[in-house]
């Protein structure tokens, strides 16, 4: 599996630091527009919105936390002395 680039990791961090809090504020504001539903309905809405944000971004986060793999030419040389 190819290693994620530094730009991809930086973009993933930017999404987590800026976009996720903005999404949370938007979700809470959206739910606040309506009359307060029962606890279970409100819980279902927040759980649904909590899962919904990751669906378009799952490709970005897939493989980010994996340990870097050595390049092909490093694997063929064997151990260094």
PDB file of N, CA and C in Angstrom:
ATOM      1  N   UNK A   1       0.847  -1.176   0.000  1.00  0.00           N
ATOM      2  CA  UNK A   1       0.000   0.000   0.000  1.00  0.00           C
ATOM      3  C   UNK A   1       0.892   1.238   0.000  1.00  0.00           C
ATOM      4  N   UNK A   2       0.612   2.205  -0.843  1.00  0.00           N
ATOM      5  CA  UNK A   2       1.442   3.410  -0.907  1.00  0.00           C
ATOM      6  C   UNK A   2       1.306   4.255   0.348  1.00  0.00           C
ATOM      7  N   UNK A   3       2.392   4.927   0.687  1.00  0.00           N
ATOM      8  CA  UNK A   3       2.374   5.799   1.859  1.00  0.00           C
ATOM      9  C   UNK A   3       1.607   7.072   1.557  1.00  0.00           C
ATOM     10  N   UNK A   4       0.910   7.571   2.575  1.00  0.00           N
ATOM     11  CA  UNK A   4       0.258   8.861   2.384  1.00  0.00           C
ATOM     12  C   UNK A   4       1.296   9.974   2.317  1.00  0.00           C
ATOM     13  N   UNK A   5       1.064  10.949   1.488  1.00  0.00           N
ATOM     14  CA  UNK A   5       1.996  12.049   1.367  1.00  0.00           C
ATOM     15  C   UNK A   5       1.820  13.011   2.531  1.00  0.00           C
ATOM     16  N   UNK A   6       2.785  13.888   2.695  1.00  0.00           N
ATOM     17  CA  UNK A   6       2.701  14.894   3.759  1.00  0.00           C
ATOM     18  C   UNK A   6       1.523  15.825   3.520  1.00  0.00           C
ATOM     19  N   UNK A   7       1.247  16.128   2.257  1.00  0.00           N
ATOM     20  CA  UNK A   7       0.127  17.016   1.942  1.00  0.00           C
ATOM     21  C   UNK A   7      -1.199  16.382   2.332  1.00  0.00           C
ATOM     22  N   UNK A   8      -1.318  15.086   2.112  1.00  0.00           N
ATOM     23  CA  UNK A   8      -2.552  14.394   2.462  1.00  0.00           C
ATOM     24  C   UNK A   8      -2.748  14.384   3.974  1.00  0.00           C
ATOM     25  N   UNK A   9      -1.690  14.136   4.717  1.00  0.00           N
ATOM     26  CA  UNK A   9      -1.789  14.174   6.182  1.00  0.00           C
ATOM     27  C   UNK A   9      -2.124  15.570   6.680  1.00  0.00           C
ATOM     28  N   UNK A  10      -1.496  16.576   6.083  1.00  0.00           N
ATOM     29  CA  UNK A  10      -1.764  17.952   6.488  1.00  0.00           C
ATOM     30  C   UNK A  10      -3.211  18.330   6.178  1.00  0.00           C
ATOM     31  N   UNK A  11      -3.724  17.898   5.028  1.00  0.00           N
ATOM     32  CA  UNK A  11      -5.108  18.195   4.683  1.00  0.00           C
ATOM     33  C   UNK A  11      -6.065  17.484   5.636  1.00  0.00           C
ATOM     34  N   UNK A  12      -5.752  16.256   6.029  1.00  0.00           N
ATOM     35  CA  UNK A  12      -6.596  15.521   6.972  1.00  0.00           C
ATOM     36  C   UNK A  12      -6.625  16.232   8.328  1.00  0.00           C
ATOM     37  N   UNK A  13      -5.491  16.731   8.771  1.00  0.00           N
ATOM     38  CA  UNK A  13      -5.448  17.467  10.034  1.00  0.00           C
ATOM     39  C   UNK A  13      -6.237  18.765   9.918  1.00  0.00           C
ATOM     40  N   UNK A  14      -6.106  19.440   8.799  1.00  0.00           N
ATOM     41  CA  UNK A  14      -6.859  20.674   8.575  1.00  0.00           C
ATOM     42  C   UNK A  14      -8.364  20.405   8.613  1.00  0.00           C
ATOM     43  N   UNK A  15      -8.795  19.312   8.017  1.00  0.00           N
ATOM     44  CA  UNK A  15     -10.208  18.946   8.046  1.00  0.00           C
ATOM     45  C   UNK A  15     -10.655  18.700   9.480  1.00  0.00           C
ATOM     46  N   UNK A  16      -9.861  17.981  10.251  1.00  0.00           N
ATOM     47  CA  UNK A  16     -10.240  17.683  11.629  1.00  0.00           C
ATOM     48  C   UNK A  16     -10.251  18.925  12.512  1.00  0.00           C
ATOM     49  N   UNK A  17      -9.341  19.849  12.276  1.00  0.00           N
ATOM     50  CA  UNK A  17      -9.219  21.023  13.146  1.00  0.00           C
ATOM     51  C   UNK A  17     -10.209  22.122  12.770  1.00  0.00           C
ATOM     52  N   UNK A  18     -10.476  22.305  11.486  1.00  0.00           N
ATOM     53  CA  UNK A  18     -11.337  23.409  11.053  1.00  0.00           C
ATOM     54  C   UNK A  18     -12.729  22.958  10.606  1.00  0.00           C
ATOM     55  N   UNK A  19     -12.789  21.983   9.735  1.00  0.00           N
ATOM     56  CA  UNK A  19     -14.067  21.606   9.144  1.00  0.00           C
ATOM     57  C   UNK A  19     -14.962  20.840  10.118  1.00  0.00           C
ATOM     58  N   UNK A  20     -14.407  19.965  10.918  1.00  0.00           N
ATOM     59  CA  UNK A  20     -15.234  19.190  11.840  1.00  0.00           C
ATOM     60  C   UNK A  20     -15.910  20.079  12.886  1.00  0.00           C
ATOM     61  N   UNK A  21     -15.201  21.002  13.544  1.00  0.00           N
ATOM     62  CA  UNK A  21     -15.918  21.895  14.468  1.00  0.00           C
ATOM     63  C   UNK A  21     -16.978  22.752  13.768  1.00  0.00           C
ATOM     64  N   UNK A  22     -16.706  23.188  12.552  1.00  0.00           N
ATOM     65  CA  UNK A  22     -17.709  23.961  11.807  1.00  0.00           C
ATOM     66  C   UNK A  22     -18.933  23.098  11.507  1.00  0.00           C
ATOM     67  N   UNK A  23     -18.716  21.836  11.187  1.00  0.00           N
ATOM     68  CA  UNK A  23     -19.830  20.917  10.939  1.00  0.00           C
ATOM     69  C   UNK A  23     -20.640  20.696  12.212  1.00  0.00           C
ATOM     70  N   UNK A  24     -19.969  20.576  13.340  1.00  0.00           N
ATOM     71  CA  UNK A  24     -20.664  20.380  14.615  1.00  0.00           C
ATOM     72  C   UNK A  24     -21.533  21.587  14.931  1.00  0.00           C
ATOM     73  N   UNK A  25     -20.986  22.780  14.757  1.00  0.00           N
ATOM     74  CA  UNK A  25     -21.765  24.001  15.011  1.00  0.00           C
ATOM     75  C   UNK A  25     -22.968  24.063  14.070  1.00  0.00           C
ATOM     76  N   UNK A  26     -22.770  23.711  12.809  1.00  0.00           N
ATOM     77  CA  UNK A  26     -23.864  23.720  11.844  1.00  0.00           C
ATOM     78  C   UNK A  26     -24.940  22.692  12.217  1.00  0.00           C
ATOM     79  N   UNK A  27     -24.531  21.506  12.651  1.00  0.00           N
ATOM     80  CA  UNK A  27     -25.490  20.467  13.027  1.00  0.00           C
ATOM     81  C   UNK A  27     -26.301  20.882  14.250  1.00  0.00           C
ATOM     82  N   UNK A  28     -25.649  21.449  15.251  1.00  0.00           N
ATOM     83  CA  UNK A  28     -26.351  21.892  16.464  1.00  0.00           C
ATOM     84  C   UNK A  28     -27.293  23.046  16.127  1.00  0.00           C
ATOM     85  N   UNK A  29     -26.850  23.958  15.281  1.00  0.00           N
ATOM     86  CA  UNK A  29     -27.703  25.079  14.872  1.00  0.00           C
ATOM     87  C   UNK A  29     -28.919  24.593  14.087  1.00  0.00           C
ATOM     88  N   UNK A  30     -28.719  23.605  13.232  1.00  0.00           N
ATOM     89  CA  UNK A  30     -29.824  23.051  12.456  1.00  0.00           C
ATOM     90  C   UNK A  30     -30.854  22.392  13.366  1.00  0.00           C
ATOM     91  N   UNK A  31     -30.418  21.617  14.318  1.00  0.00           N
ATOM     92  CA  UNK A  31     -31.336  20.944  15.241  1.00  0.00           C
ATOM     93  C   UNK A  31     -32.035  21.967  16.137  1.00  0.00           C
ATOM     94  N   UNK A  32     -31.363  23.064  16.469  1.00  0.00           N
ATOM     95  CA  UNK A  32     -31.955  24.089  17.333  1.00  0.00           C
ATOM     96  C   UNK A  32     -33.080  24.850  16.640  1.00  0.00           C
ATOM     97  N   UNK A  33     -33.141  24.811  15.320  1.00  0.00           N
ATOM     98  CA  UNK A  33     -34.210  25.499  14.597  1.00  0.00           C
ATOM     99  C   UNK A  33     -35.576  24.865  14.837  1.00  0.00           C
ATOM    100  N   UNK A  34     -35.588  23.602  15.187  1.00  0.00           N
ATOM    101  CA  UNK A  34     -36.841  22.872  15.377  1.00  0.00           C
ATOM    102  C   UNK A  34     -37.191  22.799  16.857  1.00  0.00           C
ATOM    103  N   UNK A  35     -38.459  22.495  17.114  1.00  0.00           N
ATOM    104  CA  UNK A  35     -38.894  22.289  18.488  1.00  0.00           C
ATOM    105  C   UNK A  35     -38.157  21.078  19.057  1.00  0.00           C
ATOM    106  N   UNK A  36     -37.824  21.132  20.324  1.00  0.00           N
ATOM    107  CA  UNK A  36     -37.025  20.057  20.918  1.00  0.00           C
ATOM    108  C   UNK A  36     -37.774  18.726  20.864  1.00  0.00           C
ATOM    109  N   UNK A  37     -37.203  17.750  20.153  1.00  0.00           N
ATOM    110  CA  UNK A  37     -37.867  16.434  20.066  1.00  0.00           C
ATOM    111  C   UNK A  37     -37.585  15.617  21.326  1.00  0.00           C
ATOM    112  N   UNK A  38     -38.102  14.400  21.349  1.00  0.00           N
ATOM    113  CA  UNK A  38     -37.830  13.515  22.477  1.00  0.00           C
ATOM    114  C   UNK A  38     -36.339  13.157  22.494  1.00  0.00           C
ATOM    115  N   UNK A  39     -35.905  12.648  23.604  1.00  0.00           N
ATOM    116  CA  UNK A  39     -34.488  12.298  23.787  1.00  0.00           C
ATOM    117  C   UNK A  39     -34.017  11.327  22.709  1.00  0.00           C
ATOM    118  N   UNK A  40     -34.801  10.306  22.415  1.00  0.00           N
ATOM    119  CA  UNK A  40     -34.386   9.266  21.482  1.00  0.00           C
ATOM    120  C   UNK A  40     -34.314   9.785  20.048  1.00  0.00           C
ATOM    121  N   UNK A  41     -35.235  10.647  19.679  1.00  0.00           N
ATOM    122  CA  UNK A  41     -35.193  11.227  18.335  1.00  0.00           C
ATOM    123  C   UNK A  41     -33.981  12.140  18.196  1.00  0.00           C
ATOM    124  N   UNK A  42     -33.740  12.948  19.225  1.00  0.00           N
ATOM    125  CA  UNK A  42     -32.581  13.837  19.199  1.00  0.00           C
ATOM    126  C   UNK A  42     -31.278  13.042  19.156  1.00  0.00           C
ATOM    127  N   UNK A  43     -31.206  11.970  19.920  1.00  0.00           N
ATOM    128  CA  UNK A  43     -30.026  11.108  19.899  1.00  0.00           C
ATOM    129  C   UNK A  43     -29.816  10.499  18.514  1.00  0.00           C
ATOM    130  N   UNK A  44     -30.891  10.036  17.894  1.00  0.00           N
ATOM    131  CA  UNK A  44     -30.784   9.452  16.554  1.00  0.00           C
ATOM    132  C   UNK A  44     -30.313  10.493  15.533  1.00  0.00           C
ATOM    133  N   UNK A  45     -30.813  11.724  15.640  1.00  0.00           N
ATOM    134  CA  UNK A  45     -30.402  12.777  14.716  1.00  0.00           C
ATOM    135  C   UNK A  45     -28.917  13.061  14.873  1.00  0.00           C
ATOM    136  N   UNK A  46     -28.445  13.207  16.110  1.00  0.00           N
ATOM    137  CA  UNK A  46     -27.033  13.503  16.333  1.00  0.00           C
ATOM    138  C   UNK A  46     -26.137  12.332  15.929  1.00  0.00           C
ATOM    139  N   UNK A  47     -26.568  11.113  16.173  1.00  0.00           N
ATOM    140  CA  UNK A  47     -25.777   9.955  15.730  1.00  0.00           C
ATOM    141  C   UNK A  47     -25.723   9.886  14.204  1.00  0.00           C
ATOM    142  N   UNK A  48     -26.853  10.146  13.558  1.00  0.00           N
ATOM    143  CA  UNK A  48     -26.880  10.146  12.094  1.00  0.00           C
ATOM    144  C   UNK A  48     -25.978  11.226  11.518  1.00  0.00           C
ATOM    145  N   UNK A  49     -26.050  12.434  12.076  1.00  0.00           N
ATOM    146  CA  UNK A  49     -25.189  13.518  11.606  1.00  0.00           C
ATOM    147  C   UNK A  49     -23.721  13.241  11.938  1.00  0.00           C
ATOM    148  N   UNK A  50     -23.472  12.542  13.039  1.00  0.00           N
ATOM    149  CA  UNK A  50     -22.105  12.195  13.411  1.00  0.00           C
ATOM    150  C   UNK A  50     -21.465  11.214  12.445  1.00  0.00           C
ATOM    151  N   UNK A  51     -22.267  10.342  11.881  1.00  0.00           N
ATOM    152  CA  UNK A  51     -21.752   9.379  10.902  1.00  0.00           C
ATOM    153  C   UNK A  51     -21.720  10.006   9.506  1.00  0.00           C
ATOM    154  N   UNK A  52     -22.653  10.881   9.227  1.00  0.00           N
ATOM    155  CA  UNK A  52     -22.788  11.459   7.891  1.00  0.00           C
ATOM    156  C   UNK A  52     -21.567  12.262   7.456  1.00  0.00           C
ATOM    157  N   UNK A  53     -20.882  12.928   8.368  1.00  0.00           N
ATOM    158  CA  UNK A  53     -19.763  13.792   7.977  1.00  0.00           C
ATOM    159  C   UNK A  53     -18.578  12.993   7.452  1.00  0.00           C
ATOM    160  N   UNK A  54     -18.420  11.763   7.919  1.00  0.00           N
ATOM    161  CA  UNK A  54     -17.233  11.003   7.535  1.00  0.00           C
ATOM    162  C   UNK A  54     -17.392  10.310   6.180  1.00  0.00           C
ATOM    163  N   UNK A  55     -18.618  10.100   5.729  1.00  0.00           N
ATOM    164  CA  UNK A  55     -18.822   9.347   4.488  1.00  0.00           C
ATOM    165  C   UNK A  55     -18.094   9.955   3.290  1.00  0.00           C
ATOM    166  N   UNK A  56     -18.191  11.249   3.038  1.00  0.00           N
ATOM    167  CA  UNK A  56     -17.452  11.774   1.883  1.00  0.00           C
ATOM    168  C   UNK A  56     -15.940  11.860   2.103  1.00  0.00           C
ATOM    169  N   UNK A  57     -15.502  11.780   3.361  1.00  0.00           N
ATOM    170  CA  UNK A  57     -14.075  11.961   3.654  1.00  0.00           C
ATOM    171  C   UNK A  57     -13.351  10.671   4.030  1.00  0.00           C
ATOM    172  N   UNK A  58     -14.019   9.543   3.962  1.00  0.00           N
ATOM    173  CA  UNK A  58     -13.376   8.301   4.408  1.00  0.00           C
ATOM    174  C   UNK A  58     -12.160   7.946   3.566  1.00  0.00           C
ATOM    175  N   UNK A  59     -12.163   8.285   2.293  1.00  0.00           N
ATOM    176  CA  UNK A  59     -10.998   8.030   1.447  1.00  0.00           C
ATOM    177  C   UNK A  59      -9.790   8.835   1.879  1.00  0.00           C
ATOM    178  N   UNK A  60     -10.034  10.041   2.383  1.00  0.00           N
ATOM    179  CA  UNK A  60      -8.945  10.890   2.848  1.00  0.00           C
ATOM    180  C   UNK A  60      -8.281  10.305   4.086  1.00  0.00           C
ATOM    181  N   UNK A  61      -9.077   9.783   5.001  1.00  0.00           N
ATOM    182  CA  UNK A  61      -8.541   9.290   6.266  1.00  0.00           C
ATOM    183  C   UNK A  61      -8.070   7.833   6.197  1.00  0.00           C
ATOM    184  N   UNK A  62      -8.438   7.111   5.165  1.00  0.00           N
ATOM    185  CA  UNK A  62      -8.034   5.706   5.049  1.00  0.00           C
ATOM    186  C   UNK A  62      -6.526   5.618   4.850  1.00  0.00           C
ATOM    187  N   UNK A  63      -5.849   4.933   5.720  1.00  0.00           N
ATOM    188  CA  UNK A  63      -4.417   4.702   5.591  1.00  0.00           C
ATOM    189  C   UNK A  63      -3.540   5.788   6.185  1.00  0.00           C
ATOM    190  N   UNK A  64      -4.102   6.853   6.724  1.00  0.00           N
ATOM    191  CA  UNK A  64      -3.293   7.946   7.270  1.00  0.00           C
ATOM    192  C   UNK A  64      -2.491   7.483   8.487  1.00  0.00           C
ATOM    193  N   UNK A  65      -3.075   6.669   9.340  1.00  0.00           N
ATOM    194  CA  UNK A  65      -2.421   6.286  10.590  1.00  0.00           C
ATOM    195  C   UNK A  65      -1.513   5.061  10.455  1.00  0.00           C
ATOM    196  N   UNK A  66      -1.375   4.504   9.278  1.00  0.00           N
ATOM    197  CA  UNK A  66      -0.533   3.326   9.105  1.00  0.00           C
ATOM    198  C   UNK A  66       0.937   3.715   9.151  1.00  0.00           C
ATOM    199  N   UNK A  67       1.755   2.781   9.615  1.00  0.00           N
ATOM    200  CA  UNK A  67       3.199   3.007   9.650  1.00  0.00           C
ATOM    201  C   UNK A  67       3.727   3.098   8.228  1.00  0.00           C
ATOM    202  N   UNK A  68       4.704   3.955   8.005  1.00  0.00           N
ATOM    203  CA  UNK A  68       5.252   4.081   6.643  1.00  0.00           C
ATOM    204  C   UNK A  68       5.900   2.778   6.185  1.00  0.00           C
ATOM    205  N   UNK A  69       5.678   2.427   4.937  1.00  0.00           N
ATOM    206  CA  UNK A  69       6.262   1.239   4.342  1.00  0.00           C
ATOM    207  C   UNK A  69       7.562   1.636   3.644  1.00  0.00           C
ATOM    208  N   UNK A  70       8.607   0.778   3.718  1.00  0.00           N
ATOM    209  CA  UNK A  70       9.853   1.113   3.007  1.00  0.00           C
ATOM    210  C   UNK A  70       9.619   1.084   1.503  1.00  0.00           C
ATOM    211  N   UNK A  71      10.395   1.874   0.806  1.00  0.00           N
ATOM    212  CA  UNK A  71      10.299   1.917  -0.658  1.00  0.00           C
ATOM    213  C   UNK A  71      10.732   0.573  -1.230  1.00  0.00           C
ATOM    214  N   UNK A  72      10.344   0.291  -2.457  1.00  0.00           N
ATOM    215  CA  UNK A  72      10.655  -1.002  -3.087  1.00  0.00           C
ATOM    216  C   UNK A  72      12.153  -1.264  -3.149  1.00  0.00           C
ATOM    217  N   UNK A  73      12.953  -0.245  -3.469  1.00  0.00           N
ATOM    218  CA  UNK A  73      14.390  -0.465  -3.597  1.00  0.00           C
ATOM    219  C   UNK A  73      15.033  -0.726  -2.236  1.00  0.00           C
ATOM    220  N   UNK A  74      14.464  -0.222  -1.154  1.00  0.00           N
ATOM    221  CA  UNK A  74      15.010  -0.488   0.185  1.00  0.00           C
ATOM    222  C   UNK A  74      14.730  -1.918   0.613  1.00  0.00           C
ATOM    223  N   UNK A  75      13.589  -2.492   0.206  1.00  0.00           N
ATOM    224  CA  UNK A  75      13.252  -3.860   0.585  1.00  0.00           C
ATOM    225  C   UNK A  75      14.160  -4.859  -0.124  1.00  0.00           C
ATOM    226  N   UNK A  76      14.586  -4.567  -1.340  1.00  0.00           N
ATOM    227  CA  UNK A  76      15.380  -5.507  -2.126  1.00  0.00           C
ATOM    228  C   UNK A  76      16.832  -5.583  -1.664  1.00  0.00           C
ATOM    229  N   UNK A  77      17.332  -4.562  -0.991  1.00  0.00           N
ATOM    230  CA  UNK A  77      18.741  -4.531  -0.606  1.00  0.00           C
ATOM    231  C   UNK A  77      19.049  -5.379   0.608  1.00  0.00           C
ATOM    232  N   UNK A  78      18.058  -5.701   1.411  1.00  0.00           N
ATOM    233  CA  UNK A  78      18.316  -6.485   2.612  1.00  0.00           C
ATOM    234  C   UNK A  78      18.776  -5.596   3.756  1.00  0.00           C
ATOM    235  N   UNK A  79      19.226  -6.208   4.854  1.00  0.00           N
ATOM    236  CA  UNK A  79      19.629  -5.409   6.020  1.00  0.00           C
ATOM    237  C   UNK A  79      20.920  -4.634   5.749  1.00  0.00           C
ATOM    238  N   UNK A  80      21.004  -3.455   6.340  1.00  0.00           N
ATOM    239  CA  UNK A  80      22.215  -2.642   6.200  1.00  0.00           C
ATOM    240  C   UNK A  80      23.232  -3.079   7.243  1.00  0.00           C
ATOM    241  N   UNK A  81      24.489  -3.055   6.878  1.00  0.00           N
ATOM    242  CA  UNK A  81      25.562  -3.445   7.806  1.00  0.00           C
ATOM    243  C   UNK A  81      26.240  -2.241   8.365  1.00  0.00           C
TER     244      UNK A  81
END
